[in-house]
Amino acid sequence: MNWFRSEGGSVFVLTLYIQPGARRTEAAGLHGDAMKIKLAAAPVEGKANAVLLKYLADCFEVPRNRVVLKQGEKSRRKIVVILNSRHSPDALFQV
């Protein structure tokens, strides 16, 4: 199983596994069927989610409002939708 799927040309649904409290924010390879993302943020009051969504917006070169957290607000496992991306997730997170 792949860690992302395409829903129409430029809409991607990502399955992510989040590790908060890292030294820097970065993709860290596959974790089962999810892409592991290390976040330089504590899992307190939504701060890690905010850092994650901004990081993904920067990676996909889309405005922040085109990155939507669909599932996992309080979980390490998250489903995120990227709308109108110019980039495929494979190109961004090659491991």
N, C-alpha and C. Protein backbone atom coordinates (compact mmCIF):
# COMPACT_ATOMS: atom_id res chain seq x y z
N MET A 1 0.84 -1.20 0.00
CA MET A 1 0.00 0.00 0.00
C MET A 1 0.87 1.25 0.00
N ASN A 2 0.48 2.23 -0.79
CA ASN A 2 1.22 3.47 -0.88
C ASN A 2 0.76 4.43 0.20
N TRP A 3 1.61 5.36 0.58
CA TRP A 3 1.28 6.31 1.64
C TRP A 3 0.47 7.50 1.14
N PHE A 4 0.22 7.57 -0.16
CA PHE A 4 -0.64 8.63 -0.69
C PHE A 4 -1.45 8.09 -1.86
N ARG A 5 -2.51 8.80 -2.16
CA ARG A 5 -3.30 8.47 -3.36
C ARG A 5 -3.75 9.78 -3.99
N SER A 6 -4.00 9.70 -5.28
CA SER A 6 -4.48 10.86 -6.04
C SER A 6 -5.99 10.77 -6.19
N GLU A 7 -6.65 11.87 -5.99
CA GLU A 7 -8.10 11.95 -6.22
C GLU A 7 -8.32 13.06 -7.24
N GLY A 8 -8.23 12.70 -8.50
CA GLY A 8 -8.27 13.72 -9.53
C GLY A 8 -6.85 14.23 -9.73
N GLY A 9 -6.62 14.93 -10.78
CA GLY A 9 -5.28 15.33 -11.19
C GLY A 9 -4.37 15.91 -10.13
N SER A 10 -4.82 16.90 -9.37
CA SER A 10 -3.90 17.60 -8.48
C SER A 10 -4.35 17.60 -7.02
N VAL A 11 -5.16 16.62 -6.65
CA VAL A 11 -5.59 16.46 -5.26
C VAL A 11 -4.96 15.17 -4.73
N PHE A 12 -4.22 15.29 -3.63
CA PHE A 12 -3.54 14.15 -3.03
C PHE A 12 -4.00 13.95 -1.60
N VAL A 13 -4.21 12.69 -1.24
CA VAL A 13 -4.56 12.31 0.12
C VAL A 13 -3.35 11.59 0.71
N LEU A 14 -2.78 12.15 1.77
CA LEU A 14 -1.56 11.62 2.38
C LEU A 14 -1.87 10.92 3.69
N THR A 15 -1.23 9.79 3.93
CA THR A 15 -1.28 9.12 5.22
C THR A 15 0.06 9.38 5.89
N LEU A 16 0.02 10.02 7.05
CA LEU A 16 1.24 10.45 7.73
C LEU A 16 1.31 9.89 9.14
N TYR A 17 2.54 9.63 9.59
CA TYR A 17 2.81 9.28 10.97
C TYR A 17 3.70 10.38 11.52
N ILE A 18 3.27 11.03 12.59
CA ILE A 18 3.94 12.23 13.09
C ILE A 18 4.75 11.93 14.34
N GLN A 19 5.97 12.45 14.36
CA GLN A 19 6.82 12.37 15.55
C GLN A 19 7.11 13.79 16.01
N PRO A 20 6.34 14.29 16.99
CA PRO A 20 6.59 15.65 17.48
C PRO A 20 7.83 15.70 18.37
N GLY A 21 8.32 16.90 18.61
CA GLY A 21 9.45 17.09 19.51
C GLY A 21 10.80 16.83 18.89
N ALA A 22 10.89 16.79 17.57
CA ALA A 22 12.17 16.56 16.90
C ALA A 22 12.99 17.85 16.85
N ARG A 23 14.25 17.72 16.51
CA ARG A 23 15.11 18.91 16.39
C ARG A 23 14.72 19.78 15.22
N ARG A 24 14.32 19.14 14.12
CA ARG A 24 13.90 19.91 12.94
C ARG A 24 12.76 19.18 12.25
N THR A 25 12.01 19.92 11.47
CA THR A 25 10.87 19.36 10.75
C THR A 25 11.36 18.80 9.43
N GLU A 26 11.07 17.50 9.20
CA GLU A 26 11.52 16.86 7.97
C GLU A 26 10.80 15.53 7.77
N ALA A 27 10.76 15.10 6.52
CA ALA A 27 10.27 13.76 6.19
C ALA A 27 11.35 12.77 6.59
N ALA A 28 10.93 11.64 7.19
CA ALA A 28 11.91 10.70 7.73
C ALA A 28 11.73 9.29 7.20
N GLY A 29 11.10 9.14 6.05
CA GLY A 29 10.94 7.81 5.47
C GLY A 29 9.61 7.18 5.82
N LEU A 30 9.45 5.96 5.37
CA LEU A 30 8.17 5.27 5.57
C LEU A 30 8.09 4.64 6.96
N HIS A 31 6.88 4.66 7.49
CA HIS A 31 6.56 4.02 8.76
C HIS A 31 5.33 3.16 8.49
N GLY A 32 5.55 1.92 8.08
CA GLY A 32 4.44 1.07 7.64
C GLY A 32 3.87 1.62 6.35
N ASP A 33 2.58 1.92 6.33
CA ASP A 33 1.93 2.47 5.13
C ASP A 33 1.79 3.99 5.20
N ALA A 34 2.59 4.64 6.04
CA ALA A 34 2.52 6.09 6.20
C ALA A 34 3.91 6.71 6.02
N MET A 35 3.93 7.98 5.62
CA MET A 35 5.19 8.72 5.58
C MET A 35 5.41 9.31 6.97
N LYS A 36 6.58 9.06 7.54
CA LYS A 36 6.90 9.59 8.86
C LYS A 36 7.43 11.01 8.69
N ILE A 37 6.84 11.92 9.45
CA ILE A 37 7.27 13.31 9.45
C ILE A 37 7.71 13.66 10.87
N LYS A 38 8.94 14.11 11.01
CA LYS A 38 9.43 14.61 12.30
C LYS A 38 9.09 16.10 12.38
N LEU A 39 8.54 16.52 13.51
CA LEU A 39 8.14 17.91 13.68
C LEU A 39 8.92 18.57 14.81
N ALA A 40 9.42 19.76 14.54
CA ALA A 40 10.09 20.56 15.56
C ALA A 40 9.04 21.38 16.30
N ALA A 41 8.12 20.67 16.94
CA ALA A 41 7.05 21.32 17.70
C ALA A 41 6.53 20.32 18.73
N ALA A 42 6.08 20.85 19.85
CA ALA A 42 5.50 20.00 20.89
C ALA A 42 4.03 19.73 20.56
N PRO A 43 3.53 18.55 20.96
CA PRO A 43 2.11 18.23 20.70
C PRO A 43 1.20 18.89 21.73
N VAL A 44 1.24 20.22 21.79
CA VAL A 44 0.48 20.97 22.79
C VAL A 44 -0.44 21.96 22.10
N GLU A 45 -1.71 21.92 22.42
CA GLU A 45 -2.69 22.90 21.94
C GLU A 45 -2.66 23.11 20.43
N GLY A 46 -2.48 22.04 19.68
CA GLY A 46 -2.52 22.14 18.22
C GLY A 46 -1.28 22.71 17.56
N LYS A 47 -0.22 22.97 18.34
CA LYS A 47 0.99 23.56 17.75
C LYS A 47 1.64 22.63 16.73
N ALA A 48 1.69 21.34 17.03
CA ALA A 48 2.30 20.40 16.09
C ALA A 48 1.49 20.32 14.80
N ASN A 49 0.18 20.34 14.89
CA ASN A 49 -0.65 20.32 13.68
C ASN A 49 -0.40 21.57 12.84
N ALA A 50 -0.29 22.72 13.47
CA ALA A 50 -0.05 23.96 12.73
C ALA A 50 1.30 23.90 12.01
N VAL A 51 2.33 23.40 12.69
CA VAL A 51 3.65 23.28 12.07
C VAL A 51 3.59 22.29 10.91
N LEU A 52 2.90 21.17 11.10
CA LEU A 52 2.77 20.17 10.04
C LEU A 52 2.11 20.76 8.80
N LEU A 53 0.99 21.44 8.97
CA LEU A 53 0.25 21.96 7.82
C LEU A 53 1.05 23.04 7.09
N LYS A 54 1.77 23.87 7.84
CA LYS A 54 2.61 24.89 7.19
C LYS A 54 3.77 24.21 6.43
N TYR A 55 4.38 23.20 7.04
CA TYR A 55 5.47 22.46 6.39
C TYR A 55 4.99 21.84 5.07
N LEU A 56 3.82 21.20 5.09
CA LEU A 56 3.28 20.59 3.88
C LEU A 56 2.94 21.64 2.83
N ALA A 57 2.38 22.77 3.24
CA ALA A 57 2.08 23.85 2.29
C ALA A 57 3.36 24.32 1.61
N ASP A 58 4.43 24.47 2.38
CA ASP A 58 5.71 24.88 1.81
C ASP A 58 6.25 23.82 0.86
N CYS A 59 6.19 22.55 1.25
CA CYS A 59 6.70 21.46 0.41
C CYS A 59 5.95 21.37 -0.93
N PHE A 60 4.64 21.52 -0.87
CA PHE A 60 3.83 21.39 -2.08
C PHE A 60 3.66 22.71 -2.82
N GLU A 61 4.23 23.77 -2.27
CA GLU A 61 4.14 25.11 -2.88
C GLU A 61 2.69 25.50 -3.14
N VAL A 62 1.87 25.36 -2.10
CA VAL A 62 0.47 25.77 -2.17
C VAL A 62 0.18 26.68 -0.97
N PRO A 63 -0.86 27.52 -1.07
CA PRO A 63 -1.25 28.31 0.10
C PRO A 63 -1.68 27.39 1.23
N ARG A 64 -1.51 27.84 2.44
CA ARG A 64 -1.83 27.05 3.63
C ARG A 64 -3.29 26.56 3.62
N ASN A 65 -4.20 27.34 3.05
CA ASN A 65 -5.62 26.94 3.04
C ASN A 65 -5.91 25.79 2.07
N ARG A 66 -4.93 25.34 1.31
CA ARG A 66 -5.10 24.18 0.43
C ARG A 66 -4.58 22.89 1.06
N VAL A 67 -4.20 22.96 2.32
CA VAL A 67 -3.74 21.80 3.07
C VAL A 67 -4.75 21.56 4.18
N VAL A 68 -5.46 20.42 4.12
CA VAL A 68 -6.58 20.17 5.02
C VAL A 68 -6.32 18.91 5.84
N LEU A 69 -6.38 19.05 7.17
CA LEU A 69 -6.27 17.90 8.06
C LEU A 69 -7.64 17.23 8.14
N LYS A 70 -7.75 16.02 7.56
CA LYS A 70 -9.03 15.31 7.49
C LYS A 70 -9.27 14.42 8.70
N GLN A 71 -8.21 13.76 9.18
CA GLN A 71 -8.33 12.83 10.32
C GLN A 71 -7.08 12.92 11.17
N GLY A 72 -7.26 12.66 12.47
CA GLY A 72 -6.11 12.52 13.35
C GLY A 72 -5.67 13.77 14.06
N GLU A 73 -6.59 14.66 14.35
CA GLU A 73 -6.22 15.93 15.01
C GLU A 73 -5.42 15.69 16.28
N LYS A 74 -5.78 14.65 17.05
CA LYS A 74 -5.10 14.38 18.32
C LYS A 74 -4.35 13.05 18.29
N SER A 75 -4.00 12.60 17.10
CA SER A 75 -3.34 11.32 16.93
C SER A 75 -2.01 11.51 16.20
N ARG A 76 -1.11 10.56 16.34
CA ARG A 76 0.13 10.61 15.56
C ARG A 76 -0.12 10.24 14.11
N ARG A 77 -1.15 9.45 13.87
CA ARG A 77 -1.49 9.04 12.51
C ARG A 77 -2.51 10.03 11.95
N LYS A 78 -2.19 10.63 10.82
CA LYS A 78 -3.03 11.69 10.26
C LYS A 78 -3.31 11.45 8.78
N ILE A 79 -4.46 11.91 8.35
CA ILE A 79 -4.82 11.93 6.94
C ILE A 79 -4.92 13.41 6.54
N VAL A 80 -4.13 13.79 5.55
CA VAL A 80 -4.09 15.19 5.11
C VAL A 80 -4.37 15.23 3.61
N VAL A 81 -5.17 16.21 3.20
CA VAL A 81 -5.48 16.40 1.78
C VAL A 81 -4.77 17.65 1.29
N ILE A 82 -4.10 17.52 0.15
CA ILE A 82 -3.43 18.65 -0.52
C ILE A 82 -4.26 18.96 -1.77
N LEU A 83 -4.73 20.19 -1.87
CA LEU A 83 -5.56 20.60 -3.00
C LEU A 83 -4.74 21.39 -4.02
N ASN A 84 -4.94 21.10 -5.28
CA ASN A 84 -4.33 21.85 -6.40
C ASN A 84 -2.80 21.92 -6.30
N SER A 85 -2.19 20.78 -6.06
CA SER A 85 -0.73 20.74 -5.96
C SER A 85 -0.10 20.67 -7.34
N ARG A 86 1.05 21.31 -7.47
CA ARG A 86 1.84 21.23 -8.70
C ARG A 86 2.80 20.05 -8.65
N HIS A 87 2.97 19.48 -7.46
CA HIS A 87 3.97 18.43 -7.26
C HIS A 87 3.32 17.14 -6.79
N SER A 88 3.86 16.03 -7.25
CA SER A 88 3.46 14.71 -6.74
C SER A 88 4.18 14.47 -5.42
N PRO A 89 3.53 13.82 -4.46
CA PRO A 89 4.20 13.51 -3.20
C PRO A 89 5.47 12.66 -3.40
N ASP A 90 5.49 11.80 -4.39
CA ASP A 90 6.69 10.99 -4.64
C ASP A 90 7.92 11.85 -4.89
N ALA A 91 7.74 12.94 -5.62
CA ALA A 91 8.86 13.82 -5.94
C ALA A 91 9.37 14.56 -4.70
N LEU A 92 8.47 14.83 -3.76
CA LEU A 92 8.84 15.63 -2.59
C LEU A 92 9.52 14.83 -1.50
N PHE A 93 9.05 13.60 -1.29
CA PHE A 93 9.52 12.82 -0.15
C PHE A 93 10.17 11.53 -0.61
N GLN A 94 11.16 11.62 -1.45
CA GLN A 94 11.84 10.41 -1.91
C GLN A 94 12.73 9.89 -0.79
N VAL A 95 12.58 8.60 -0.53
CA VAL A 95 13.36 8.00 0.56
C VAL A 95 14.14 6.80 0.06
